[in-house]
Amino acid sequence: MYEEEYVLEALVHILNGWLSFWYGDLFLRRKYANRRKAAIIWITVYVVGQILYGRLVEAYPLYDRFTHVVSYILLLSLLQYFFFEKNLPRQVFVVVSFVAGWEILRFTVSPLAHAVLGLWSPFWGWLLEYFADRDLMPIESLTEYMLMLNRVAIVAVLAICRGLQLGLLFLYLRLIGRHFIRIDEEMTGQESWFLLIPCITVLCIDLTMRLMAYSVDNSALMIIYERVPETLVLLPVVSLLLLGIVVSSVILFRGVIQSKDEERKRLLLENRVADVQHQIEDLQDIYGDMRGLRHDLRGHIANLTAYIRNRSMGENKDLGAYLEGMEKTVARLDFADHTGNPMLDVILHQIRQQAKRKEIDFSVNFHYPKNASFDVYDVSIILNNALQNAIEACEKVKGARNIDLHSYEKGSLFFLEIENDYDGQLVWKTGAELPETTKAEKRVHGIGLDNIQRCARKYNGDVEIRALSKGDKQVFNLTVMLYHREEKSDN
């Protein structure tokens, strides 16, 4: 090898080391907060390991043919053990998929290098004869210059092919990283094998192709490209198709996980909707009983008050004060909010009690539209989810907290708008319509907004979320739009 080739290989090792660190950082949690320092140490250890391995291969050529992949996997596994938190299914996939991609891409660029150098050799010979026939310089100088030119050409071809290999590897890793599940989602053993099998298949095919591409004949390596020229096209195509299978398996796996999440969310939504409906029905019965009780108590208190005033003629002031206290107690049974629908009155009463216990200011200007065509159960689900989320957000804020609910109509459109203070942490995933939950169990939590959106779209509506700054406060604004046709009364 030329000295330039050693430099080129060292540069390739550095870039490959950075790619391996960057790829692992997409899927795993680092043990060290300083990313730059961790990357530098990772790359240094990686390059030293590859150089030592290269020296061993030069001393024992057969070593490269049988243990190359194993030693490569071992090096990356040790680096991941020291630099990333333990997550065995993810770590195994990251290592195997990286090694599979890098190794199989050799068969994408190797035919290109062979073809270009095959064309260069006769051209170089023609140039040598051309200048030698014209006797432009001494043959020794000409030979020296032509050998230097040949050396530069070989290194240039190798550099281009290595650059192409690194570029294709980056694209391959980028596609996997884009479609893989989030770093906070756990993988089961079955899911891990679903992703590993295509990668292991690629590695096995790579080893098979490597053994078939080279044979030992009188201690000289005979490349199969010379015997079967069609492999110059077939090997790159096959290697790219194999990587396409790995990427496709990741995309398919992501789709399966998303389908499972959607099914899980759908079942949770259905169960929560049923629970809310039962709860509202029970509360509505209680509301009816309380309304009758308030009416009866007020009647009894009024009768007793009139009787005492008529009989005692100003005496028994203590009894009169007692009856006044009873009347105030009964008055507290009245709901502060009158929306036009008893079911929604109950929900707002519950939310108001929660807000009062948590010292959150709750202001309401909400009126349920008369003769609305949508189901009051859906409106109750929207209110319950939105206001519960608002209370949870306010709990994370120090100092004065506020929740404001109001509604308004514009033609056939009915709007509910809720504003509440929050801590300013709102996580949006790229391309997502709704922000992600900040709770740990993301597969279980975070369906409140999905539930609200589902109810809104049931009536050709939707939700809009805005993060606002009002003075020194961060305000979360949720607007829900519902379309309704006024139902004419029978009168």
Foldseek 3Di string as FASTA:
>chain_A
DDPLVVVLVLVLLLLLQLVLLVLVVLAFAWPDPPSVVLSVVSSVQSSVLVVVVVVVCVVPVVCCLPCVLVSQLVSSLVSCVVTTDDAPLRSVLSSLLLSLLLLLCCLQLVLVLVVVVVVVVVVLVVVLVVCVVVCPDDNVVSVVVSVVVNVVVSSVSVSVSSVVSSVVSSVLSVLLSVLADHNLDHDDPVLSCLLVVLSVVSVVVSSVVVVVQWDADVNDTDGCCVVPVVSSPVSSVVSVVSSVVSSVSRNVSSVVVVVVLVVLLVVVLVVVLVVLVVVLVVVLVVVVVLVVVLVVLVVVLVVVLVVCCVPVVPPPVVVVVVSVVVNVVSVVSDQPDDQPDVSVSSLVSVLVVVCVVLVAAEEEAHHDDAQWPDDVSLVSLLVNLVSVVQVVQQSQDPDYKYKYWHWDDDVQKIKIKIKIFGDPDWADDVPDPGTFDPDSPRSNDDCSQVSNQVSLVVQVWGKDWDWDDDPPTIMIMIMGMGGTDRDDDPD
